[in-house]
């Protein structure tokens, strides 16, 4: 299957002459394969590219604050990634001076209620963040936590975690 995927990328890049400057983003589940790690796949793609395009890998897991991502976490990540790409497309071509003078070109992304929103980093930092607990000041979703945990299969406090054998 990996060979087929690499062939698809080879054909896709052969058709793309760079006019659209459209990159490719490959998402990989952390449990997909112990052999074909993210770095191995990125290196295979780079090798097959023969210099026609570059391949990089990134593993954002180190910024997570613990645990296996729930289905909601995964959906949220996709929503945020799509909006970030749309944002970058919207500011492409602006000069550095324009970016510095326009607060919308230096933003933080988040979810408020059901909406993905961009906000001024200064406002988020000073007005919307509980720094002591490292949480937002307004957690509108908190009353849904028990339902989300149940649907995602997260163990309840005091339950034994089958995968590691420790108390959670």
N, C-alpha and C. Protein backbone atom coordinates (compact mmCIF):
# COMPACT_ATOMS: atom_id res chain seq x y z
N UNK A 1 0.82 -1.20 0.00
CA UNK A 1 0.00 0.00 0.00
C UNK A 1 0.87 1.26 0.00
N UNK A 2 1.99 1.26 0.73
CA UNK A 2 2.87 2.42 0.76
C UNK A 2 3.43 2.72 -0.62
N UNK A 3 3.81 1.68 -1.35
CA UNK A 3 4.34 1.87 -2.71
C UNK A 3 3.29 2.54 -3.59
N UNK A 4 2.01 2.14 -3.44
CA UNK A 4 0.94 2.75 -4.22
C UNK A 4 0.78 4.22 -3.85
N UNK A 5 0.87 4.52 -2.57
CA UNK A 5 0.75 5.92 -2.12
C UNK A 5 1.88 6.78 -2.66
N UNK A 6 3.10 6.24 -2.65
CA UNK A 6 4.24 6.99 -3.17
C UNK A 6 4.09 7.19 -4.67
N UNK A 7 3.60 6.18 -5.37
CA UNK A 7 3.36 6.33 -6.81
C UNK A 7 2.31 7.41 -7.06
N UNK A 8 1.26 7.43 -6.25
CA UNK A 8 0.23 8.48 -6.37
C UNK A 8 0.86 9.86 -6.19
N UNK A 9 1.73 10.01 -5.18
CA UNK A 9 2.40 11.29 -4.97
C UNK A 9 3.28 11.65 -6.16
N UNK A 10 4.00 10.66 -6.70
CA UNK A 10 4.88 10.90 -7.84
C UNK A 10 4.06 11.45 -9.02
N UNK A 11 2.92 10.81 -9.30
CA UNK A 11 2.05 11.26 -10.41
C UNK A 11 1.48 12.64 -10.10
N UNK A 12 1.03 12.84 -8.87
CA UNK A 12 0.44 14.12 -8.47
C UNK A 12 1.44 15.26 -8.62
N UNK A 13 2.67 15.05 -8.18
CA UNK A 13 3.69 16.09 -8.30
C UNK A 13 4.12 16.28 -9.75
N UNK A 14 4.09 15.21 -10.54
CA UNK A 14 4.45 15.34 -11.96
C UNK A 14 3.46 16.23 -12.68
N UNK A 15 2.19 16.14 -12.31
CA UNK A 15 1.15 16.98 -12.94
C UNK A 15 1.21 18.41 -12.44
N UNK A 16 1.61 18.61 -11.20
CA UNK A 16 1.66 19.94 -10.59
C UNK A 16 2.98 20.59 -10.99
N UNK A 17 2.92 21.61 -11.80
CA UNK A 17 4.13 22.29 -12.28
C UNK A 17 4.54 23.44 -11.37
N UNK A 18 3.90 23.55 -10.20
CA UNK A 18 4.29 24.57 -9.25
C UNK A 18 3.56 25.89 -9.39
N UNK A 19 2.69 26.01 -10.41
CA UNK A 19 1.99 27.27 -10.59
C UNK A 19 1.09 27.57 -9.39
N UNK A 20 0.44 26.57 -8.86
CA UNK A 20 -0.48 26.79 -7.74
C UNK A 20 0.26 26.83 -6.41
N UNK A 21 1.52 26.42 -6.40
CA UNK A 21 2.32 26.35 -5.18
C UNK A 21 1.60 25.56 -4.10
N UNK A 22 0.90 24.53 -4.53
CA UNK A 22 0.13 23.71 -3.60
C UNK A 22 1.01 22.60 -3.05
N UNK A 23 1.18 22.57 -1.75
CA UNK A 23 1.94 21.52 -1.11
C UNK A 23 1.04 20.33 -0.81
N UNK A 24 1.61 19.33 -0.27
CA UNK A 24 0.87 18.14 0.12
C UNK A 24 1.10 17.92 1.61
N UNK A 25 0.06 17.52 2.30
CA UNK A 25 0.14 17.25 3.73
C UNK A 25 -0.30 15.82 3.94
N UNK A 26 0.53 15.05 4.59
CA UNK A 26 0.22 13.65 4.87
C UNK A 26 0.07 13.50 6.38
N UNK A 27 -1.07 13.00 6.81
CA UNK A 27 -1.31 12.76 8.23
C UNK A 27 -1.19 11.27 8.48
N UNK A 28 -0.52 10.91 9.56
CA UNK A 28 -0.32 9.51 9.89
C UNK A 28 -0.70 9.27 11.33
N UNK A 29 -1.52 8.24 11.55
CA UNK A 29 -1.91 7.85 12.90
C UNK A 29 -0.69 7.27 13.60
N UNK A 30 -0.53 7.59 14.88
CA UNK A 30 0.66 7.14 15.60
C UNK A 30 0.73 5.63 15.78
N UNK A 31 -0.38 4.92 15.54
CA UNK A 31 -0.40 3.47 15.68
C UNK A 31 -0.44 2.76 14.33
N UNK A 32 -0.20 3.47 13.25
CA UNK A 32 -0.32 2.89 11.91
C UNK A 32 0.68 1.76 11.69
N UNK A 33 1.92 1.92 12.10
CA UNK A 33 2.92 0.89 11.89
C UNK A 33 4.12 1.18 12.78
N UNK A 34 4.68 0.12 13.37
CA UNK A 34 5.90 0.30 14.15
C UNK A 34 7.12 0.37 13.22
N UNK A 35 7.02 -0.23 12.05
CA UNK A 35 8.12 -0.26 11.10
C UNK A 35 8.19 1.02 10.28
N UNK A 36 7.05 1.41 9.70
CA UNK A 36 7.01 2.60 8.85
C UNK A 36 6.65 3.81 9.70
N UNK A 37 7.65 4.34 10.38
CA UNK A 37 7.44 5.51 11.22
C UNK A 37 7.25 6.74 10.34
N UNK A 38 6.86 7.83 10.94
CA UNK A 38 6.68 9.08 10.20
C UNK A 38 7.99 9.49 9.52
N UNK A 39 9.09 9.37 10.23
CA UNK A 39 10.39 9.74 9.66
C UNK A 39 10.77 8.83 8.50
N UNK A 40 10.53 7.53 8.63
CA UNK A 40 10.87 6.59 7.56
C UNK A 40 10.06 6.91 6.30
N UNK A 41 8.76 7.17 6.48
CA UNK A 41 7.91 7.49 5.33
C UNK A 41 8.36 8.78 4.67
N UNK A 42 8.67 9.80 5.47
CA UNK A 42 9.13 11.07 4.90
C UNK A 42 10.43 10.87 4.13
N UNK A 43 11.33 10.05 4.65
CA UNK A 43 12.59 9.78 3.96
C UNK A 43 12.38 8.99 2.67
N UNK A 44 11.42 8.06 2.67
CA UNK A 44 11.12 7.30 1.45
C UNK A 44 10.57 8.24 0.36
N UNK A 45 9.70 9.14 0.77
CA UNK A 45 9.13 10.09 -0.18
C UNK A 45 10.23 11.01 -0.73
N UNK A 46 11.10 11.48 0.16
CA UNK A 46 12.21 12.33 -0.26
C UNK A 46 13.11 11.60 -1.25
N UNK A 47 13.40 10.34 -0.99
CA UNK A 47 14.24 9.54 -1.89
C UNK A 47 13.59 9.38 -3.26
N UNK A 48 12.29 9.08 -3.25
CA UNK A 48 11.56 8.88 -4.51
C UNK A 48 11.40 10.17 -5.30
N UNK A 49 11.49 11.32 -4.61
CA UNK A 49 11.31 12.61 -5.27
C UNK A 49 12.48 12.96 -6.19
N UNK A 50 13.65 12.41 -5.91
CA UNK A 50 14.85 12.70 -6.69
C UNK A 50 15.03 14.21 -6.89
N UNK A 51 14.82 14.97 -5.80
CA UNK A 51 15.05 16.41 -5.84
C UNK A 51 13.92 17.24 -6.44
N UNK A 52 12.85 16.61 -6.93
CA UNK A 52 11.75 17.38 -7.55
C UNK A 52 10.91 18.09 -6.50
N UNK A 53 10.86 17.56 -5.29
CA UNK A 53 10.14 18.22 -4.20
C UNK A 53 10.79 17.77 -2.90
N UNK A 54 10.51 18.50 -1.84
CA UNK A 54 11.10 18.16 -0.55
C UNK A 54 10.08 17.47 0.34
N UNK A 55 10.56 16.77 1.30
CA UNK A 55 9.71 16.07 2.24
C UNK A 55 10.25 16.30 3.65
N UNK A 56 9.37 16.73 4.54
CA UNK A 56 9.76 16.94 5.93
C UNK A 56 8.77 16.21 6.82
N UNK A 57 9.16 15.92 8.01
CA UNK A 57 8.23 15.30 8.95
C UNK A 57 8.20 16.11 10.24
N UNK A 58 7.07 16.03 10.89
CA UNK A 58 6.90 16.69 12.20
C UNK A 58 5.97 15.83 13.03
N UNK A 59 6.28 15.71 14.28
CA UNK A 59 5.44 14.94 15.19
C UNK A 59 5.01 15.89 16.31
N UNK A 60 3.78 16.40 16.22
CA UNK A 60 3.34 17.41 17.18
C UNK A 60 2.95 16.86 18.55
N UNK A 61 3.09 15.56 18.76
CA UNK A 61 2.67 14.96 20.01
C UNK A 61 3.32 15.53 21.25
N UNK A 62 4.53 16.06 21.13
CA UNK A 62 5.23 16.60 22.31
C UNK A 62 4.52 17.81 22.89
N UNK A 63 3.62 18.41 22.15
CA UNK A 63 2.90 19.56 22.69
C UNK A 63 1.59 19.16 23.36
N UNK A 64 1.21 17.90 23.23
CA UNK A 64 0.00 17.43 23.89
C UNK A 64 0.24 17.40 25.39
N UNK A 65 -0.84 17.56 26.13
CA UNK A 65 -0.69 17.56 27.58
C UNK A 65 -1.08 16.21 28.18
N UNK A 66 -0.95 15.17 27.40
CA UNK A 66 -1.10 13.83 27.95
C UNK A 66 -2.25 13.03 27.39
N UNK A 67 -2.08 11.74 27.40
CA UNK A 67 -3.13 10.81 27.06
C UNK A 67 -3.28 10.57 25.56
N UNK A 68 -4.06 9.56 25.28
CA UNK A 68 -4.38 9.22 23.90
C UNK A 68 -5.46 10.18 23.40
N UNK A 69 -5.30 10.74 22.21
CA UNK A 69 -6.31 11.68 21.71
C UNK A 69 -7.67 10.99 21.55
N UNK A 70 -8.71 11.67 21.96
CA UNK A 70 -10.07 11.16 21.81
C UNK A 70 -10.53 11.42 20.38
N UNK A 71 -11.66 10.82 19.97
CA UNK A 71 -12.21 11.16 18.65
C UNK A 71 -12.45 12.66 18.51
N UNK A 72 -12.88 13.31 19.58
CA UNK A 72 -13.11 14.76 19.53
C UNK A 72 -11.80 15.50 19.32
N UNK A 73 -10.73 15.06 19.98
CA UNK A 73 -9.41 15.67 19.80
C UNK A 73 -8.97 15.58 18.35
N UNK A 74 -9.18 14.41 17.74
CA UNK A 74 -8.75 14.20 16.36
C UNK A 74 -9.56 15.06 15.39
N UNK A 75 -10.87 15.14 15.61
CA UNK A 75 -11.72 16.00 14.76
C UNK A 75 -11.31 17.46 14.91
N UNK A 76 -11.05 17.86 16.14
CA UNK A 76 -10.64 19.25 16.40
C UNK A 76 -9.31 19.54 15.69
N UNK A 77 -8.39 18.62 15.73
CA UNK A 77 -7.09 18.82 15.07
C UNK A 77 -7.26 19.04 13.58
N UNK A 78 -8.13 18.27 12.95
CA UNK A 78 -8.37 18.43 11.51
C UNK A 78 -9.00 19.79 11.23
N UNK A 79 -10.00 20.17 12.03
CA UNK A 79 -10.65 21.48 11.83
C UNK A 79 -9.64 22.61 11.95
N UNK A 80 -8.78 22.54 12.96
CA UNK A 80 -7.78 23.58 13.15
C UNK A 80 -6.77 23.60 12.01
N UNK A 81 -6.35 22.42 11.58
CA UNK A 81 -5.36 22.35 10.48
C UNK A 81 -5.93 22.96 9.20
N UNK A 82 -7.17 22.65 8.88
CA UNK A 82 -7.80 23.19 7.67
C UNK A 82 -7.88 24.71 7.74
N UNK A 83 -8.32 25.24 8.89
CA UNK A 83 -8.43 26.69 9.03
C UNK A 83 -7.06 27.37 8.99
N UNK A 84 -6.03 26.73 9.55
CA UNK A 84 -4.68 27.30 9.49
C UNK A 84 -4.20 27.39 8.05
N UNK A 85 -4.43 26.35 7.27
CA UNK A 85 -4.02 26.38 5.86
C UNK A 85 -4.79 27.47 5.12
N UNK A 86 -6.09 27.59 5.37
CA UNK A 86 -6.88 28.65 4.73
C UNK A 86 -6.34 30.03 5.12
N UNK A 87 -5.98 30.17 6.39
CA UNK A 87 -5.43 31.44 6.86
C UNK A 87 -4.13 31.76 6.13
N UNK A 88 -3.24 30.77 6.04
CA UNK A 88 -1.96 30.99 5.36
C UNK A 88 -2.17 31.34 3.90
N UNK A 89 -3.13 30.70 3.26
CA UNK A 89 -3.43 31.04 1.86
C UNK A 89 -3.91 32.48 1.75
N UNK A 90 -4.65 32.94 2.76
CA UNK A 90 -5.19 34.30 2.73
C UNK A 90 -4.15 35.39 2.92
N UNK A 91 -3.05 35.07 3.61
CA UNK A 91 -2.02 36.08 3.85
C UNK A 91 -0.82 35.92 2.92
N UNK A 92 -0.86 34.90 2.08
CA UNK A 92 0.26 34.68 1.15
C UNK A 92 0.43 35.91 0.27
N UNK A 93 1.65 36.33 0.11
CA UNK A 93 1.94 37.46 -0.77
C UNK A 93 1.98 38.80 -0.07
N UNK A 94 1.55 38.88 1.18
CA UNK A 94 1.62 40.16 1.90
C UNK A 94 3.08 40.44 2.25
N UNK A 95 3.40 41.71 2.29
CA UNK A 95 4.76 42.09 2.65
C UNK A 95 4.94 41.94 4.16
N UNK A 96 6.18 41.88 4.58
CA UNK A 96 6.50 41.77 6.01
C UNK A 96 5.94 42.98 6.76
N UNK A 97 6.02 44.15 6.17
CA UNK A 97 5.48 45.36 6.80
C UNK A 97 3.98 45.29 7.00
N UNK A 98 3.27 44.79 6.01
CA UNK A 98 1.82 44.63 6.15
C UNK A 98 1.50 43.66 7.27
N UNK A 99 2.25 42.57 7.35
CA UNK A 99 2.00 41.56 8.37
C UNK A 99 2.22 42.12 9.77
N UNK A 100 3.22 42.96 9.95
CA UNK A 100 3.52 43.51 11.26
C UNK A 100 2.45 44.51 11.71
N UNK A 101 1.88 45.27 10.80
CA UNK A 101 0.91 46.30 11.18
C UNK A 101 -0.52 45.78 11.28
N UNK A 102 -0.78 44.58 10.81
CA UNK A 102 -2.14 44.03 10.82
C UNK A 102 -2.20 42.90 11.83
N UNK A 103 -2.97 43.08 12.94
CA UNK A 103 -3.01 42.06 13.99
C UNK A 103 -3.50 40.72 13.48
N UNK A 104 -4.30 40.72 12.42
CA UNK A 104 -4.83 39.45 11.93
C UNK A 104 -3.77 38.60 11.25
N UNK A 105 -2.60 39.17 11.02
CA UNK A 105 -1.52 38.39 10.43
C UNK A 105 -0.60 37.78 11.49
N UNK A 106 -0.93 38.00 12.75
CA UNK A 106 -0.17 37.41 13.86
C UNK A 106 -1.19 36.98 14.89
N UNK A 107 -1.68 35.77 14.74
CA UNK A 107 -2.84 35.35 15.52
C UNK A 107 -2.63 34.00 16.18
N UNK A 108 -3.55 33.70 17.07
CA UNK A 108 -3.63 32.38 17.68
C UNK A 108 -4.99 31.81 17.27
N UNK A 109 -5.05 30.52 17.03
CA UNK A 109 -6.28 29.88 16.61
C UNK A 109 -6.85 29.08 17.77
N UNK A 110 -8.16 29.04 17.85
CA UNK A 110 -8.81 28.27 18.91
C UNK A 110 -10.24 27.97 18.55
N UNK A 111 -10.91 27.30 19.46
CA UNK A 111 -12.33 26.98 19.26
C UNK A 111 -13.10 27.62 20.39
N UNK A 112 -14.11 28.40 20.01
CA UNK A 112 -15.03 29.01 20.98
C UNK A 112 -16.42 28.51 20.63
N UNK A 113 -17.03 27.82 21.56
CA UNK A 113 -18.32 27.22 21.25
C UNK A 113 -18.14 26.21 20.14
N UNK A 114 -18.85 26.40 19.04
CA UNK A 114 -18.74 25.49 17.90
C UNK A 114 -17.92 26.09 16.76
N UNK A 115 -17.32 27.26 16.98
CA UNK A 115 -16.64 27.96 15.90
C UNK A 115 -15.12 27.93 16.06
N UNK A 116 -14.43 27.75 14.95
CA UNK A 116 -12.98 27.91 14.92
C UNK A 116 -12.73 29.40 14.70
N UNK A 117 -11.97 30.01 15.61
CA UNK A 117 -11.77 31.46 15.54
C UNK A 117 -10.29 31.81 15.66
N UNK A 118 -9.93 32.95 15.09
CA UNK A 118 -8.61 33.52 15.25
C UNK A 118 -8.74 34.70 16.20
N UNK A 119 -7.72 34.92 17.02
CA UNK A 119 -7.76 36.05 17.94
C UNK A 119 -6.39 36.65 18.10
N UNK A 120 -6.40 37.86 18.58
CA UNK A 120 -5.15 38.56 18.87
C UNK A 120 -4.43 37.83 19.99
N UNK A 121 -3.16 37.54 19.81
CA UNK A 121 -2.38 36.85 20.84
C UNK A 121 -2.38 37.66 22.13
N UNK A 122 -2.29 38.98 22.01
CA UNK A 122 -2.28 39.83 23.20
C UNK A 122 -3.58 39.69 23.99
N UNK A 123 -4.72 39.68 23.30
CA UNK A 123 -6.02 39.56 23.98
C UNK A 123 -6.16 38.18 24.63
N UNK A 124 -5.77 37.15 23.91
CA UNK A 124 -5.85 35.80 24.46
C UNK A 124 -4.99 35.69 25.72
N UNK A 125 -3.79 36.24 25.64
CA UNK A 125 -2.85 36.16 26.75
C UNK A 125 -3.33 36.93 27.97
N UNK A 126 -3.81 38.16 27.76
CA UNK A 126 -4.16 39.02 28.88
C UNK A 126 -5.57 38.84 29.41
N UNK A 127 -6.53 38.51 28.54
CA UNK A 127 -7.92 38.52 28.94
C UNK A 127 -8.60 37.16 29.01
N UNK A 128 -8.10 36.19 28.24
CA UNK A 128 -8.86 34.95 28.09
C UNK A 128 -8.21 33.71 28.68
N UNK A 129 -7.01 33.84 29.24
CA UNK A 129 -6.29 32.66 29.71
C UNK A 129 -6.10 32.67 31.21
N UNK A 130 -6.42 31.53 31.84
CA UNK A 130 -6.14 31.28 33.24
C UNK A 130 -4.75 30.63 33.27
N UNK A 131 -3.71 31.44 33.47
CA UNK A 131 -2.34 30.94 33.37
C UNK A 131 -1.99 30.00 34.51
N UNK A 132 -2.56 30.19 35.68
CA UNK A 132 -2.25 29.32 36.81
C UNK A 132 -2.63 27.87 36.49
N UNK A 133 -3.81 27.67 35.94
CA UNK A 133 -4.28 26.31 35.62
C UNK A 133 -4.06 25.92 34.16
N UNK A 134 -3.46 26.85 33.38
CA UNK A 134 -3.19 26.61 31.96
C UNK A 134 -4.44 26.19 31.21
N UNK A 135 -5.50 26.99 31.39
CA UNK A 135 -6.78 26.70 30.77
C UNK A 135 -7.44 28.02 30.34
N UNK A 136 -8.43 27.93 29.47
CA UNK A 136 -9.18 29.15 29.16
C UNK A 136 -10.02 29.57 30.37
N UNK A 137 -10.30 30.84 30.49
CA UNK A 137 -11.14 31.32 31.58
C UNK A 137 -12.59 30.89 31.38
N UNK A 138 -13.04 30.82 30.13
CA UNK A 138 -14.42 30.42 29.83
C UNK A 138 -14.39 29.06 29.14
N UNK A 139 -14.82 28.03 29.84
CA UNK A 139 -14.85 26.67 29.29
C UNK A 139 -16.30 26.26 29.07
N UNK A 140 -16.86 26.70 27.96
CA UNK A 140 -18.28 26.48 27.69
C UNK A 140 -18.62 25.00 27.53
N UNK A 141 -17.66 24.18 27.21
CA UNK A 141 -17.89 22.77 26.94
C UNK A 141 -17.78 21.89 28.18
N UNK A 142 -17.38 22.47 29.31
CA UNK A 142 -17.05 21.67 30.48
C UNK A 142 -18.20 20.77 30.95
N UNK A 143 -19.44 21.22 30.80
CA UNK A 143 -20.55 20.38 31.25
C UNK A 143 -20.72 19.12 30.38
N UNK A 144 -20.05 19.08 29.23
CA UNK A 144 -20.12 17.91 28.35
C UNK A 144 -18.97 16.93 28.57
N UNK A 145 -18.08 17.23 29.49
CA UNK A 145 -16.87 16.41 29.68
C UNK A 145 -17.19 14.95 29.99
N UNK A 146 -18.14 14.69 30.87
CA UNK A 146 -18.48 13.31 31.23
C UNK A 146 -18.98 12.54 30.01
N UNK A 147 -19.82 13.17 29.20
CA UNK A 147 -20.34 12.52 27.99
C UNK A 147 -19.21 12.25 27.01
N UNK A 148 -18.34 13.22 26.80
CA UNK A 148 -17.21 13.06 25.87
C UNK A 148 -16.29 11.94 26.33
N UNK A 149 -15.97 11.92 27.63
CA UNK A 149 -15.10 10.87 28.16
C UNK A 149 -15.73 9.49 27.99
N UNK A 150 -17.03 9.38 28.22
CA UNK A 150 -17.72 8.10 28.05
C UNK A 150 -17.69 7.66 26.60
N UNK A 151 -18.02 8.57 25.67
CA UNK A 151 -18.04 8.22 24.25
C UNK A 151 -16.66 7.89 23.71
N UNK A 152 -15.61 8.52 24.26
CA UNK A 152 -14.26 8.28 23.76
C UNK A 152 -13.61 7.06 24.41
N UNK A 153 -14.26 6.49 25.42
CA UNK A 153 -13.70 5.32 26.07
C UNK A 153 -12.64 5.62 27.10
N UNK A 154 -12.51 6.87 27.50
CA UNK A 154 -11.52 7.20 28.53
C UNK A 154 -11.95 6.60 29.86
N UNK A 155 -10.99 6.06 30.61
CA UNK A 155 -11.37 5.49 31.91
C UNK A 155 -11.76 6.59 32.88
N UNK A 156 -12.67 6.22 33.80
CA UNK A 156 -13.06 7.16 34.84
C UNK A 156 -11.97 7.20 35.90
N UNK A 157 -11.85 8.32 36.62
CA UNK A 157 -10.85 8.36 37.70
C UNK A 157 -11.05 7.18 38.64
N UNK A 158 -9.96 6.51 38.96
CA UNK A 158 -10.04 5.35 39.85
C UNK A 158 -10.14 4.03 39.11
N UNK A 159 -10.51 4.06 37.83
CA UNK A 159 -10.56 2.83 37.04
C UNK A 159 -9.13 2.40 36.72
N UNK A 160 -8.97 1.13 36.49
CA UNK A 160 -7.65 0.63 36.10
C UNK A 160 -7.49 0.77 34.60
N UNK A 161 -6.34 1.21 34.20
CA UNK A 161 -6.04 1.34 32.78
C UNK A 161 -5.50 0.01 32.28
N UNK A 162 -6.26 -0.70 31.41
CA UNK A 162 -5.87 -2.02 30.93
C UNK A 162 -4.57 -2.02 30.14
N UNK A 163 -4.31 -0.95 29.40
CA UNK A 163 -3.14 -0.96 28.54
C UNK A 163 -1.83 -0.85 29.31
N UNK A 164 -1.84 -0.20 30.47
CA UNK A 164 -0.57 -0.04 31.18
C UNK A 164 -0.60 -0.66 32.57
N UNK A 165 -1.78 -1.03 33.06
CA UNK A 165 -1.87 -1.67 34.36
C UNK A 165 -1.79 -0.74 35.55
N UNK A 166 -1.75 0.56 35.34
CA UNK A 166 -1.65 1.49 36.46
C UNK A 166 -3.01 2.11 36.75
N UNK A 167 -3.12 2.65 37.92
CA UNK A 167 -4.34 3.37 38.30
C UNK A 167 -4.31 4.74 37.65
N UNK A 168 -5.44 5.18 37.15
CA UNK A 168 -5.50 6.51 36.53
C UNK A 168 -6.32 7.44 37.37
